[in-house]
C-alpha atoms as a PDB file:
ATOM      1  CA  MET A   1    -102.183  -5.552  22.810  1.00  0.00           C
ATOM      2  CA  LEU A   2    -102.613  -9.430  23.046  1.00  0.00           C
ATOM      3  CA  GLN A   3    -101.811 -11.043  19.777  1.00  0.00           C
ATOM      4  CA  PHE A   4    -101.867 -14.597  18.664  1.00  0.00           C
ATOM      5  CA  GLU A   5     -99.699 -15.327  15.772  1.00  0.00           C
ATOM      6  CA  PHE A   6    -101.441 -19.134  15.156  1.00  0.00           C
ATOM      7  CA  ILE A   7    -104.796 -18.404  16.839  1.00  0.00           C
ATOM      8  CA  TRP A   8    -106.108 -21.446  14.525  1.00  0.00           C
ATOM      9  CA  ILE A   9    -104.598 -24.073  16.483  1.00  0.00           C
ATOM     10  CA  LEU A  10    -107.157 -23.317  19.455  1.00  0.00           C
ATOM     11  CA  LEU A  11    -109.658 -25.114  17.432  1.00  0.00           C
ATOM     12  CA  ALA A  12    -107.986 -28.546  18.346  1.00  0.00           C
ATOM     13  CA  LEU A  13    -109.253 -27.614  22.255  1.00  0.00           C
ATOM     14  CA  PRO A  14    -112.070 -30.398  22.243  1.00  0.00           C
ATOM     15  CA  LEU A  15    -109.984 -32.586  20.290  1.00  0.00           C
ATOM     16  CA  PRO A  16    -109.726 -35.460  23.449  1.00  0.00           C
ATOM     17  CA  TRP A  17    -112.939 -35.334  24.086  1.00  0.00           C
ATOM     18  CA  LEU A  18    -114.017 -36.260  20.275  1.00  0.00           C
ATOM     19  CA  VAL A  19    -111.356 -39.062  20.373  1.00  0.00           C
ATOM     20  CA  TYR A  20    -113.094 -40.614  23.507  1.00  0.00           C
ATOM     21  CA  ARG A  21    -116.163 -39.566  22.542  1.00  0.00           C
ATOM     22  CA  TRP A  22    -116.317 -41.265  18.989  1.00  0.00           C
ATOM     23  CA  LEU A  23    -113.363 -43.389  18.564  1.00  0.00           C
ATOM     24  CA  PRO A  24    -113.657 -47.158  19.998  1.00  0.00           C
ATOM     25  CA  ALA A  25    -111.824 -48.050  23.452  1.00  0.00           C
ATOM     26  CA  ALA A  26    -108.500 -50.299  22.584  1.00  0.00           C
ATOM     27  CA  TYR A  27    -109.111 -53.693  24.213  1.00  0.00           C
ATOM     28  CA  GLN A  28    -105.291 -56.119  25.098  1.00  0.00           C
ATOM     29  CA  THR A  29    -106.273 -59.211  24.211  1.00  0.00           C
ATOM     30  CA  SER A  30    -103.294 -60.947  25.385  1.00  0.00           C
ATOM     31  CA  ALA A  31    -100.868 -60.008  27.837  1.00  0.00           C
ATOM     32  CA  ALA A  32     -97.184 -58.715  27.149  1.00  0.00           C
ATOM     33  CA  LEU A  33     -95.870 -58.584  30.266  1.00  0.00           C
ATOM     34  CA  THR A  34     -95.680 -60.534  33.372  1.00  0.00           C
ATOM     35  CA  VAL A  35     -95.534 -58.560  36.687  1.00  0.00           C
ATOM     36  CA  PRO A  36     -95.281 -60.585  39.769  1.00  0.00           C
ATOM     37  CA  PHE A  37     -96.501 -58.141  41.800  1.00  0.00           C
ATOM     38  CA  PHE A  38     -99.272 -56.970  39.657  1.00  0.00           C
ATOM     39  CA  ASP A  39    -102.253 -57.553  42.711  1.00  0.00           C
ATOM     40  CA  ARG A  40    -100.144 -54.899  44.807  1.00  0.00           C
ATOM     41  CA  LEU A  41    -100.148 -52.482  41.834  1.00  0.00           C
ATOM     42  CA  THR A  42    -103.901 -52.440  41.825  1.00  0.00           C
ATOM     43  CA  LEU A  43    -104.348 -52.369  44.997  1.00  0.00           C
ATOM     44  CA  ALA A  44    -102.360 -49.253  44.907  1.00  0.00           C
ATOM     45  CA  GLN A  45    -103.945 -47.795  42.265  1.00  0.00           C
ATOM     46  CA  SER A  46    -107.690 -48.496  43.296  1.00  0.00           C
ATOM     47  CA  GLY A  47    -107.570 -45.790  46.152  1.00  0.00           C
ATOM     48  CA  GLU A  48    -106.913 -42.747  43.148  1.00  0.00           C
ATOM     49  CA  SER A  49    -109.442 -44.345  40.683  1.00  0.00           C
ATOM     50  CA  THR A  50    -111.835 -44.274  43.228  1.00  0.00           C
ATOM     51  CA  GLY A  51    -111.551 -41.174  44.704  1.00  0.00           C
ATOM     52  CA  ARG A  52    -111.805 -37.921  42.498  1.00  0.00           C
ATOM     53  CA  PRO A  53    -111.685 -38.904  38.384  1.00  0.00           C
ATOM     54  CA  TRP A  54    -113.272 -35.166  37.950  1.00  0.00           C
ATOM     55  CA  LEU A  55    -109.908 -33.763  39.201  1.00  0.00           C
ATOM     56  CA  LYS A  56    -107.742 -35.760  37.069  1.00  0.00           C
ATOM     57  CA  ILE A  57    -109.731 -35.061  34.115  1.00  0.00           C
ATOM     58  CA  LEU A  58    -109.922 -31.280  35.244  1.00  0.00           C
ATOM     59  CA  CYS A  59    -105.872 -31.366  35.432  1.00  0.00           C
ATOM     60  CA  MET A  60    -105.269 -33.573  32.251  1.00  0.00           C
ATOM     61  CA  ALA A  61    -108.134 -30.515  30.061  1.00  0.00           C
ATOM     62  CA  LEU A  62    -106.158 -27.867  32.045  1.00  0.00           C
ATOM     63  CA  ILE A  63    -102.812 -28.951  30.753  1.00  0.00           C
ATOM     64  CA  TRP A  64    -103.960 -29.638  27.204  1.00  0.00           C
ATOM     65  CA  ALA A  65    -105.248 -25.862  27.339  1.00  0.00           C
ATOM     66  CA  CYS A  66    -101.839 -24.623  28.103  1.00  0.00           C
ATOM     67  CA  LEU A  67    -100.260 -26.600  25.631  1.00  0.00           C
ATOM     68  CA  LEU A  68    -102.240 -25.579  22.537  1.00  0.00           C
ATOM     69  CA  VAL A  69    -102.196 -21.507  24.415  1.00  0.00           C
ATOM     70  CA  ALA A  70     -98.431 -22.259  23.690  1.00  0.00           C
ATOM     71  CA  ALA A  71     -98.285 -23.057  20.254  1.00  0.00           C
ATOM     72  CA  ALA A  72    -100.822 -20.291  19.398  1.00  0.00           C
ATOM     73  CA  ARG A  73     -97.239 -18.206  20.035  1.00  0.00           C
ATOM     74  CA  PRO A  74     -99.142 -15.369  21.948  1.00  0.00           C
ATOM     75  CA  VAL A  75     -97.383 -11.844  21.707  1.00  0.00           C
ATOM     76  CA  TRP A  76     -97.887  -8.864  23.504  1.00  0.00           C
ATOM     77  CA  ILE A  77     -97.193  -5.946  21.705  1.00  0.00           C
ATOM     78  CA  GLY A  78     -96.488  -2.529  22.994  1.00  0.00           C
ATOM     79  CA  ASP A  79     -97.277   0.790  22.101  1.00  0.00           C
ATOM     80  CA  ALA A  80     -95.562   2.626  18.875  1.00  0.00           C
ATOM     81  CA  VAL A  81     -92.373   3.798  19.311  1.00  0.00           C
ATOM     82  CA  ALA A  82     -90.938   6.695  16.844  1.00  0.00           C
ATOM     83  CA  LEU A  83     -87.607   5.938  14.695  1.00  0.00           C
ATOM     84  CA  PRO A  84     -85.580   8.923  14.560  1.00  0.00           C
ATOM     85  CA  SER A  85     -86.900  11.285  12.161  1.00  0.00           C
ATOM     86  CA  SER A  86     -83.999  13.838  11.487  1.00  0.00           C
ATOM     87  CA  GLY A  87     -81.018  13.063   9.557  1.00  0.00           C
ATOM     88  CA  ARG A  88     -79.711  12.514   5.786  1.00  0.00           C
ATOM     89  CA  ASN A  89     -80.330  10.011   3.113  1.00  0.00           C
ATOM     90  CA  LEU A  90     -76.621   9.446   1.928  1.00  0.00           C
ATOM     91  CA  MET A  91     -75.374   6.796  -0.461  1.00  0.00           C
ATOM     92  CA  LEU A  92     -71.830   6.065  -0.356  1.00  0.00           C
ATOM     93  CA  ALA A  93     -70.106   4.640  -3.828  1.00  0.00           C
ATOM     94  CA  VAL A  94     -66.880   3.003  -2.840  1.00  0.00           C
ATOM     95  CA  ASP A  95     -64.525   2.129  -5.977  1.00  0.00           C
ATOM     96  CA  ILE A  96     -63.184  -1.848  -5.828  1.00  0.00           C
ATOM     97  CA  SER A  97     -61.620  -1.155  -9.314  1.00  0.00           C
ATOM     98  CA  GLY A  98     -58.360  -3.047  -9.987  1.00  0.00           C
ATOM     99  CA  SER A  99     -56.205   0.187  -9.044  1.00  0.00           C
ATOM    100  CA  MET A 100     -57.653   0.275  -5.246  1.00  0.00           C
ATOM    101  CA  GLN A 101     -55.218  -2.745  -4.607  1.00  0.00           C
ATOM    102  CA  ASP A 102     -52.150  -0.234  -4.778  1.00  0.00           C
ATOM    103  CA  ARG A 103     -50.456  -0.639  -1.556  1.00  0.00           C
ATOM    104  CA  ASP A 104     -49.277   3.224  -1.527  1.00  0.00           C
ATOM    105  CA  MET A 105     -51.546   4.699   2.159  1.00  0.00           C
ATOM    106  CA  LEU A 106     -49.676   4.416   5.305  1.00  0.00           C
ATOM    107  CA  TYR A 107     -51.930   3.672   8.400  1.00  0.00           C
ATOM    108  CA  ALA A 108     -51.099   3.406  11.444  1.00  0.00           C
ATOM    109  CA  GLY A 109     -47.175   3.383  10.475  1.00  0.00           C
ATOM    110  CA  ARG A 110     -47.484   0.470   7.877  1.00  0.00           C
ATOM    111  CA  ARG A 111     -48.796   0.725   4.242  1.00  0.00           C
ATOM    112  CA  VAL A 112     -51.921  -0.379   3.288  1.00  0.00           C
ATOM    113  CA  THR A 113     -53.668  -0.994  -0.011  1.00  0.00           C
ATOM    114  CA  ARG A 114     -56.214   1.914  -1.132  1.00  0.00           C
ATOM    115  CA  LEU A 115     -59.431  -0.179  -0.579  1.00  0.00           C
ATOM    116  CA  GLN A 116     -58.007  -1.215   2.994  1.00  0.00           C
ATOM    117  CA  ALA A 117     -57.132   2.793   4.038  1.00  0.00           C
ATOM    118  CA  VAL A 118     -61.139   3.519   2.751  1.00  0.00           C
ATOM    119  CA  LYS A 119     -62.285   0.669   4.250  1.00  0.00           C
ATOM    120  CA  LYS A 120     -60.915   1.721   7.765  1.00  0.00           C
ATOM    121  CA  VAL A 121     -61.610   5.526   7.554  1.00  0.00           C
ATOM    122  CA  VAL A 122     -65.494   5.025   5.657  1.00  0.00           C
ATOM    123  CA  GLY A 123     -66.189   2.469   8.045  1.00  0.00           C
ATOM    124  CA  ASP A 124     -66.187   4.598  11.316  1.00  0.00           C
ATOM    125  CA  PHE A 125     -68.025   7.078   9.477  1.00  0.00           C
ATOM    126  CA  VAL A 126     -70.566   4.642   8.794  1.00  0.00           C
ATOM    127  CA  ILE A 127     -70.835   4.387  12.906  1.00  0.00           C
ATOM    128  CA  ARG A 128     -71.181   7.750  13.498  1.00  0.00           C
ATOM    129  CA  ARG A 129     -74.271   8.490  11.353  1.00  0.00           C
ATOM    130  CA  SER A 130     -76.815   7.444  14.001  1.00  0.00           C
ATOM    131  CA  GLY A 131     -80.253   9.032  12.605  1.00  0.00           C
ATOM    132  CA  ASP A 132     -79.186   8.881   8.963  1.00  0.00           C
ATOM    133  CA  ARG A 133     -79.981   6.356   6.056  1.00  0.00           C
ATOM    134  CA  LEU A 134     -77.280   5.033   4.517  1.00  0.00           C
ATOM    135  CA  GLY A 135     -77.098   3.023   1.323  1.00  0.00           C
ATOM    136  CA  LEU A 136     -74.039   1.366  -0.095  1.00  0.00           C
ATOM    137  CA  ILE A 137     -72.603   0.945  -3.590  1.00  0.00           C
ATOM    138  CA  LEU A 138     -70.095  -0.951  -4.939  1.00  0.00           C
ATOM    139  CA  PHE A 139     -68.436  -0.243  -8.268  1.00  0.00           C
ATOM    140  CA  GLY A 140     -65.911  -1.338 -10.840  1.00  0.00           C
ATOM    141  CA  SER A 141     -66.595  -2.126 -14.447  1.00  0.00           C
ATOM    142  CA  ARG A 142     -69.896  -1.902 -13.284  1.00  0.00           C
ATOM    143  CA  ALA A 143     -72.003  -0.325 -10.384  1.00  0.00           C
ATOM    144  CA  TYR A 144     -74.025  -3.051  -7.811  1.00  0.00           C
ATOM    145  CA  LEU A 145     -76.177  -1.746  -4.833  1.00  0.00           C
ATOM    146  CA  GLN A 146     -74.666  -3.255  -2.347  1.00  0.00           C
ATOM    147  CA  THR A 147     -76.791  -2.428   0.446  1.00  0.00           C
ATOM    148  CA  PRO A 148     -80.230  -0.018  -0.033  1.00  0.00           C
ATOM    149  CA  LEU A 149     -80.970   3.250   1.903  1.00  0.00           C
ATOM    150  CA  THR A 150     -81.218   1.440   5.625  1.00  0.00           C
ATOM    151  CA  PHE A 151     -80.725   2.555   9.536  1.00  0.00           C
ATOM    152  CA  ASP A 152     -79.035  -0.683   9.921  1.00  0.00           C
ATOM    153  CA  ARG A 153     -75.166   1.069  10.193  1.00  0.00           C
ATOM    154  CA  ASN A 154     -73.850  -1.833  11.795  1.00  0.00           C
ATOM    155  CA  THR A 155     -74.918  -4.390   8.395  1.00  0.00           C
ATOM    156  CA  LEU A 156     -73.474  -1.780   6.343  1.00  0.00           C
ATOM    157  CA  PHE A 157     -70.396  -1.570   8.030  1.00  0.00           C
ATOM    158  CA  ILE A 158     -70.069  -5.434   7.317  1.00  0.00           C
ATOM    159  CA  LEU A 159     -70.815  -5.218   3.657  1.00  0.00           C
ATOM    160  CA  LEU A 160     -68.511  -2.647   3.276  1.00  0.00           C
ATOM    161  CA  ASN A 161     -65.656  -4.924   5.093  1.00  0.00           C
ATOM    162  CA  GLU A 162     -66.149  -7.774   2.867  1.00  0.00           C
ATOM    163  CA  ALA A 163     -65.672  -5.868  -0.652  1.00  0.00           C
ATOM    164  CA  GLN A 164     -62.832  -7.063  -2.210  1.00  0.00           C
ATOM    165  CA  ILE A 165     -61.196  -6.090  -5.022  1.00  0.00           C
ATOM    166  CA  GLY A 166     -62.246  -7.186  -8.494  1.00  0.00           C
ATOM    167  CA  PHE A 167     -65.809  -8.126  -7.334  1.00  0.00           C
ATOM    168  CA  ALA A 168     -67.206  -5.860  -9.506  1.00  0.00           C
ATOM    169  CA  GLY A 169     -64.244  -5.591 -12.360  1.00  0.00           C
ATOM    170  CA  GLU A 170     -61.003  -3.903 -13.187  1.00  0.00           C
ATOM    171  CA  LYS A 171     -62.194  -1.068 -14.459  1.00  0.00           C
ATOM    172  CA  THR A 172     -63.853   2.005 -13.210  1.00  0.00           C
ATOM    173  CA  ALA A 173     -67.669   3.026 -14.249  1.00  0.00           C
ATOM    174  CA  ILE A 174     -68.030   6.775 -12.266  1.00  0.00           C
ATOM    175  CA  GLY A 175     -71.077   7.349 -14.333  1.00  0.00           C
ATOM    176  CA  ASP A 176     -72.642   4.454 -13.877  1.00  0.00           C
ATOM    177  CA  ALA A 177     -72.437   4.376  -9.734  1.00  0.00           C
ATOM    178  CA  ILE A 178     -73.581   8.164 -10.285  1.00  0.00           C
ATOM    179  CA  GLY A 179     -76.775   6.689 -12.224  1.00  0.00           C
ATOM    180  CA  LEU A 180     -77.175   3.956  -9.805  1.00  0.00           C
ATOM    181  CA  ALA A 181     -77.110   6.357  -6.804  1.00  0.00           C
ATOM    182  CA  VAL A 182     -79.202   9.049  -8.331  1.00  0.00           C
ATOM    183  CA  LYS A 183     -82.359   6.441  -9.519  1.00  0.00           C
ATOM    184  CA  ARG A 184     -82.138   5.166  -5.323  1.00  0.00           C
ATOM    185  CA  LEU A 185     -82.217   8.952  -3.867  1.00  0.00           C
ATOM    186  CA  GLN A 186     -84.875  10.654  -6.519  1.00  0.00           C
ATOM    187  CA  ASP A 187     -88.065   9.561  -4.261  1.00  0.00           C
ATOM    188  CA  LYS A 188     -86.702  10.674  -0.981  1.00  0.00           C
ATOM    189  CA  PRO A 189     -87.046  14.371   0.252  1.00  0.00           C
ATOM    190  CA  GLU A 190     -84.823  16.713  -1.935  1.00  0.00           C
ATOM    191  CA  GLU A 191     -82.847  18.783   0.824  1.00  0.00           C
ATOM    192  CA  SER A 192     -81.802  15.077   1.609  1.00  0.00           C
ATOM    193  CA  ARG A 193     -80.574  13.444  -1.310  1.00  0.00           C
ATOM    194  CA  ILE A 194     -76.380  13.300  -1.046  1.00  0.00           C
ATOM    195  CA  LEU A 195     -73.991  10.638  -2.592  1.00  0.00           C
ATOM    196  CA  ILE A 196     -70.322  10.489  -1.616  1.00  0.00           C
ATOM    197  CA  LEU A 197     -68.579   9.062  -4.356  1.00  0.00           C
ATOM    198  CA  LEU A 198     -64.888   7.642  -3.445  1.00  0.00           C
ATOM    199  CA  THR A 199     -62.678   6.772  -6.227  1.00  0.00           C
ATOM    200  CA  ASP A 200     -58.745   6.545  -7.477  1.00  0.00           C
ATOM    201  CA  GLY A 201     -58.922   6.895 -11.137  1.00  0.00           C
ATOM    202  CA  SER A 202     -60.759   8.406 -14.056  1.00  0.00           C
ATOM    203  CA  ASN A 203     -63.935   6.748 -15.758  1.00  0.00           C
ATOM    204  CA  THR A 204     -62.592   3.746 -18.007  1.00  0.00           C
ATOM    205  CA  ALA A 205     -66.229   1.942 -18.063  1.00  0.00           C
ATOM    206  CA  GLY A 206     -69.622   2.147 -18.067  1.00  0.00           C
ATOM    207  CA  ALA A 207     -72.733   2.756 -19.970  1.00  0.00           C
ATOM    208  CA  VAL A 208     -73.081   6.619 -19.217  1.00  0.00           C
ATOM    209  CA  ALA A 209     -70.298   9.356 -19.191  1.00  0.00           C
ATOM    210  CA  PRO A 210     -69.510  11.162 -15.922  1.00  0.00           C
ATOM    211  CA  GLN A 211     -70.888  14.518 -17.042  1.00  0.00           C
ATOM    212  CA  LYS A 212     -74.140  13.096 -18.612  1.00  0.00           C
ATOM    213  CA  ALA A 213     -74.839  11.269 -14.601  1.00  0.00           C
ATOM    214  CA  ALA A 214     -73.973  15.228 -12.966  1.00  0.00           C
ATOM    215  CA  GLU A 215     -76.659  16.500 -15.597  1.00  0.00           C
ATOM    216  CA  LEU A 216     -78.959  13.585 -14.152  1.00  0.00           C
ATOM    217  CA  ALA A 217     -77.835  14.050 -10.425  1.00  0.00           C
ATOM    218  CA  LEU A 218     -78.754  18.014 -10.633  1.00  0.00           C
ATOM    219  CA  GLN A 219     -81.842  17.524 -12.228  1.00  0.00           C
ATOM    220  CA  ALA A 220     -82.622  15.058  -9.709  1.00  0.00           C
ATOM    221  CA  LYS A 221     -81.170  17.548  -7.089  1.00  0.00           C
ATOM    222  CA  VAL A 222     -78.880  14.744  -5.770  1.00  0.00           C
ATOM    223  CA  LYS A 223     -75.754  16.854  -4.247  1.00  0.00           C
ATOM    224  CA  ILE A 224     -72.398  14.701  -4.822  1.00  0.00           C
ATOM    225  CA  TYR A 225     -69.421  14.909  -2.805  1.00  0.00           C
ATOM    226  CA  THR A 226     -66.412  13.783  -4.681  1.00  0.00           C
ATOM    227  CA  VAL A 227     -63.159  12.612  -2.848  1.00  0.00           C
ATOM    228  CA  PHE A 228     -59.960  11.437  -4.922  1.00  0.00           C
ATOM    229  CA  VAL A 229     -57.812   9.004  -3.214  1.00  0.00           C
ATOM    230  CA  GLY A 230     -54.672   9.057  -4.327  1.00  0.00           C
ATOM    231  CA  PRO A 231     -50.744   8.409  -3.135  1.00  0.00           C
ATOM    232  CA  ASN A 232     -48.773   9.696  -0.589  1.00  0.00           C
ATOM    233  CA  GLN A 233     -46.215  11.125  -2.698  1.00  0.00           C
ATOM    234  CA  ARG A 234     -46.395  13.313  -5.524  1.00  0.00           C
ATOM    235  CA  ARG A 235     -46.922  12.054  -9.186  1.00  0.00           C
ATOM    236  CA  THR A 236     -47.220  13.635 -12.531  1.00  0.00           C
ATOM    237  CA  ASN A 237     -49.800  11.678 -14.161  1.00  0.00           C
ATOM    238  CA  ARG A 238     -51.874  13.020 -16.572  1.00  0.00           C
ATOM    239  CA  PHE A 239     -54.698   9.690 -16.036  1.00  0.00           C
ATOM    240  CA  MET A 240     -54.640  10.779 -12.495  1.00  0.00           C
ATOM    241  CA  GLU A 241     -55.320  14.788 -13.262  1.00  0.00           C
ATOM    242  CA  ASN A 242     -58.245  13.791 -15.930  1.00  0.00           C
ATOM    243  CA  GLY A 243     -59.463  11.850 -12.485  1.00  0.00           C
ATOM    244  CA  GLU A 244     -59.274  14.746 -10.362  1.00  0.00           C
ATOM    245  CA  GLU A 245     -60.631  17.172 -13.166  1.00  0.00           C
ATOM    246  CA  ILE A 246     -63.911  15.188 -13.762  1.00  0.00           C
ATOM    247  CA  LEU A 247     -64.262  14.691  -9.979  1.00  0.00           C
ATOM    248  CA  ARG A 248     -64.283  18.339  -9.420  1.00  0.00           C
ATOM    249  CA  THR A 249     -66.498  19.041 -12.426  1.00  0.00           C
ATOM    250  CA  ILE A 250     -69.118  16.650 -11.034  1.00  0.00           C
ATOM    251  CA  ALA A 251     -68.967  18.057  -7.528  1.00  0.00           C
ATOM    252  CA  ASP A 252     -69.408  21.948  -8.764  1.00  0.00           C
ATOM    253  CA  ALA A 253     -72.338  20.919 -10.901  1.00  0.00           C
ATOM    254  CA  THR A 254     -74.135  19.725  -8.387  1.00  0.00           C
ATOM    255  CA  GLY A 255     -73.615  21.611  -5.610  1.00  0.00           C
ATOM    256  CA  GLY A 256     -71.194  19.450  -3.583  1.00  0.00           C
ATOM    257  CA  TYR A 257     -67.635  19.973  -2.914  1.00  0.00           C
ATOM    258  CA  TYR A 258     -64.433  17.940  -4.323  1.00  0.00           C
ATOM    259  CA  PHE A 259     -61.952  16.856  -1.580  1.00  0.00           C
ATOM    260  CA  ARG A 260     -58.286  15.240  -1.977  1.00  0.00           C
ATOM    261  CA  ALA A 261     -57.229  12.658  -0.038  1.00  0.00           C
ATOM    262  CA  ARG A 262     -53.551  11.415  -0.378  1.00  0.00           C
ATOM    263  CA  ASN A 263     -53.029   9.237   2.908  1.00  0.00           C
ATOM    264  CA  THR A 264     -55.375   8.252   5.824  1.00  0.00           C
ATOM    265  CA  GLU A 265     -55.178  11.320   8.334  1.00  0.00           C
ATOM    266  CA  GLU A 266     -56.356  13.688   4.999  1.00  0.00           C
ATOM    267  CA  LEU A 267     -59.332  10.973   4.093  1.00  0.00           C
ATOM    268  CA  ASP A 268     -60.296  11.075   7.568  1.00  0.00           C
ATOM    269  CA  GLU A 269     -60.184  14.767   7.837  1.00  0.00           C
ATOM    270  CA  ILE A 270     -62.471  14.778   5.009  1.00  0.00           C
ATOM    271  CA  TYR A 271     -64.718  12.729   6.433  1.00  0.00           C
ATOM    272  CA  GLN A 272     -64.861  15.198   9.487  1.00  0.00           C
ATOM    273  CA  GLN A 273     -65.931  17.736   7.676  1.00  0.00           C
ATOM    274  CA  LEU A 274     -68.756  15.790   5.745  1.00  0.00           C
ATOM    275  CA  ASP A 275     -69.736  14.998   9.469  1.00  0.00           C
ATOM    276  CA  LYS A 276     -71.009  18.656   9.793  1.00  0.00           C
ATOM    277  CA  LEU A 277     -73.565  18.375   7.083  1.00  0.00           C
ATOM    278  CA  GLU A 278     -77.028  20.125   8.283  1.00  0.00           C
ATOM    279  CA  PRO A 279     -79.627  16.969   9.225  1.00  0.00           C
ATOM    280  CA  VAL A 280     -83.066  17.400   7.999  1.00  0.00           C
ATOM    281  CA  GLU A 281     -86.453  16.309   9.129  1.00  0.00           C
ATOM    282  CA  GLN A 282     -87.692  13.075   7.494  1.00  0.00           C
ATOM    283  CA  ASP A 283     -91.132  11.200   7.360  1.00  0.00           C
ATOM    284  CA  GLN A 284     -91.755  10.012  10.785  1.00  0.00           C
ATOM    285  CA  GLU A 285     -91.462   6.246  11.135  1.00  0.00           C
ATOM    286  CA  TYR A 286     -93.132   3.789  14.329  1.00  0.00           C
ATOM    287  CA  PHE A 287     -92.245   0.362  14.998  1.00  0.00           C
ATOM    288  CA  ARG A 288     -94.335  -1.782  17.911  1.00  0.00           C
ATOM    289  CA  PRO A 289     -92.104  -3.902  20.412  1.00  0.00           C
ATOM    290  CA  GLN A 290     -93.242  -7.923  20.265  1.00  0.00           C
ATOM    291  CA  LYS A 291     -92.710  -9.966  23.014  1.00  0.00           C
ATOM    292  CA  ALA A 292     -93.150 -13.808  23.152  1.00  0.00           C
ATOM    293  CA  LEU A 293     -95.204 -15.027  26.054  1.00  0.00           C
ATOM    294  CA  PHE A 294     -95.334 -18.848  24.843  1.00  0.00           C
ATOM    295  CA  TYR A 295     -93.159 -19.733  27.670  1.00  0.00           C
ATOM    296  CA  TRP A 296     -95.722 -18.654  30.629  1.00  0.00           C
ATOM    297  CA  PRO A 297     -98.137 -21.379  29.355  1.00  0.00           C
ATOM    298  CA  VAL A 298     -95.640 -23.900  28.788  1.00  0.00           C
ATOM    299  CA  ILE A 299     -94.377 -23.048  32.273  1.00  0.00           C
ATOM    300  CA  ALA A 300     -98.071 -23.623  33.857  1.00  0.00           C
ATOM    301  CA  ALA A 301     -99.007 -27.043  31.752  1.00  0.00           C
ATOM    302  CA  LEU A 302     -95.536 -28.490  33.389  1.00  0.00           C
ATOM    303  CA  SER A 303     -96.223 -27.013  36.787  1.00  0.00           C
ATOM    304  CA  LEU A 304     -99.931 -29.148  36.682  1.00  0.00           C
ATOM    305  CA  MET A 305     -98.329 -32.359  35.515  1.00  0.00           C
ATOM    306  CA  THR A 306     -95.794 -31.802  38.442  1.00  0.00           C
ATOM    307  CA  LEU A 307     -98.156 -30.861  40.967  1.00  0.00           C
ATOM    308  CA  TRP A 308    -100.728 -34.249  38.941  1.00  0.00           C
ATOM    309  CA  LEU A 309     -97.869 -36.258  39.430  1.00  0.00           C
ATOM    310  CA  LEU A 310     -97.292 -35.620  42.455  1.00  0.00           C
ATOM    311  CA  GLY A 311    -100.499 -36.115  43.803  1.00  0.00           C
ATOM    312  CA  SER A 312    -100.832 -39.126  42.585  1.00  0.00           C
ATOM    313  CA  LEU A 313     -97.612 -40.208  44.046  1.00  0.00           C
ATOM    314  CA  LEU A 314     -98.526 -39.010  47.239  1.00  0.00           C
ATOM    315  CA  GLY A 315    -102.242 -41.007  46.628  1.00  0.00           C
ATOM    316  CA  ARG A 316    -100.347 -43.962  45.992  1.00  0.00           C
ATOM    317  CA  LEU A 317     -97.994 -43.972  49.352  1.00  0.00           C
ATOM    318  CA  LEU A 318    -101.154 -43.683  51.182  1.00  0.00           C
ATOM    319  CA  SER A 319    -103.313 -46.484  50.029  1.00  0.00           C
ATOM    320  CA  THR A 320    -100.367 -48.609  49.978  1.00  0.00           C
ATOM    321  CA  SER A 321     -99.526 -47.692  53.835  1.00  0.00           C
ATOM    322  CA  LYS A 322    -103.320 -48.041  54.790  1.00  0.00           C
ATOM    323  CA  GLN A 323    -103.688 -51.745  53.376  1.00  0.00           C
ATOM    324  CA  GLN A 324    -100.329 -52.489  55.166  1.00  0.00           C
ATOM    325  CA  ARG A 325    -101.787 -51.218  58.160  1.00  0.00           C
ATOM    326  CA  ASP A 326    -104.983 -53.630  57.889  1.00  0.00           C
END
């Protein structure tokens, strides 16, 4: 289907005729330039002006019409194409609090920060999620929606890799992150409301307690998979144990699973397990591909102008040659 984005521009089609009809002609009272061969130039042009003036007017009118059609932005709109209709509505909540900068994770034989390890593994997970709507929440002392649910995995991947420690504060607001995810998922199909929460500590900030947030998630039928990122070596840390207990409770309460990742290999295994989640049917969405066509009338106008100039030049050459023979 052909459509013009600025069809009102075509109202200017009669503008040259209106200018010619109603505006007075401009007269030059004094010569601005002396041309020694003026007489010969007049003779050369006489053949063109007395030959076929209607052809010149028709050519100029067609050029004007083509330029206006191009300015009106013609677009060809194709048939509706269905977007992927099966997948999950999956929110990722990633901890970027101060503790995520601890350099105690191994990746490719070298030590990296916990956040760097998460970016690598979660980034690969995101790219593999063809057909899923993905969203990204970053949280520290507060939780922020970085990307709403979208099929655009590449943009989410870029925004995840641009996340920096401290952007959301130094503490950890797990409850607020869950509450924000529930708010973004509650109007989606019940079978597809999934949150993957990834953190390395216990709740130390926020307005909502993790247990209360888990109750809200249960009421909204949001399933939460919790991933606790810890160091490679074994540590006896009461603070860490509390964090693990909270995450395990949240997962159990919402029908999800709790995972523990001590290194990048375990973290990758976790996301391979999450890959096996069953897809569910979504509402069918469509889009219509569009193809710009403005260059065709531009090419037509340039072609007509070229033919006109070549014709004028040929007429002048023939007229000059005839005058020289006479």
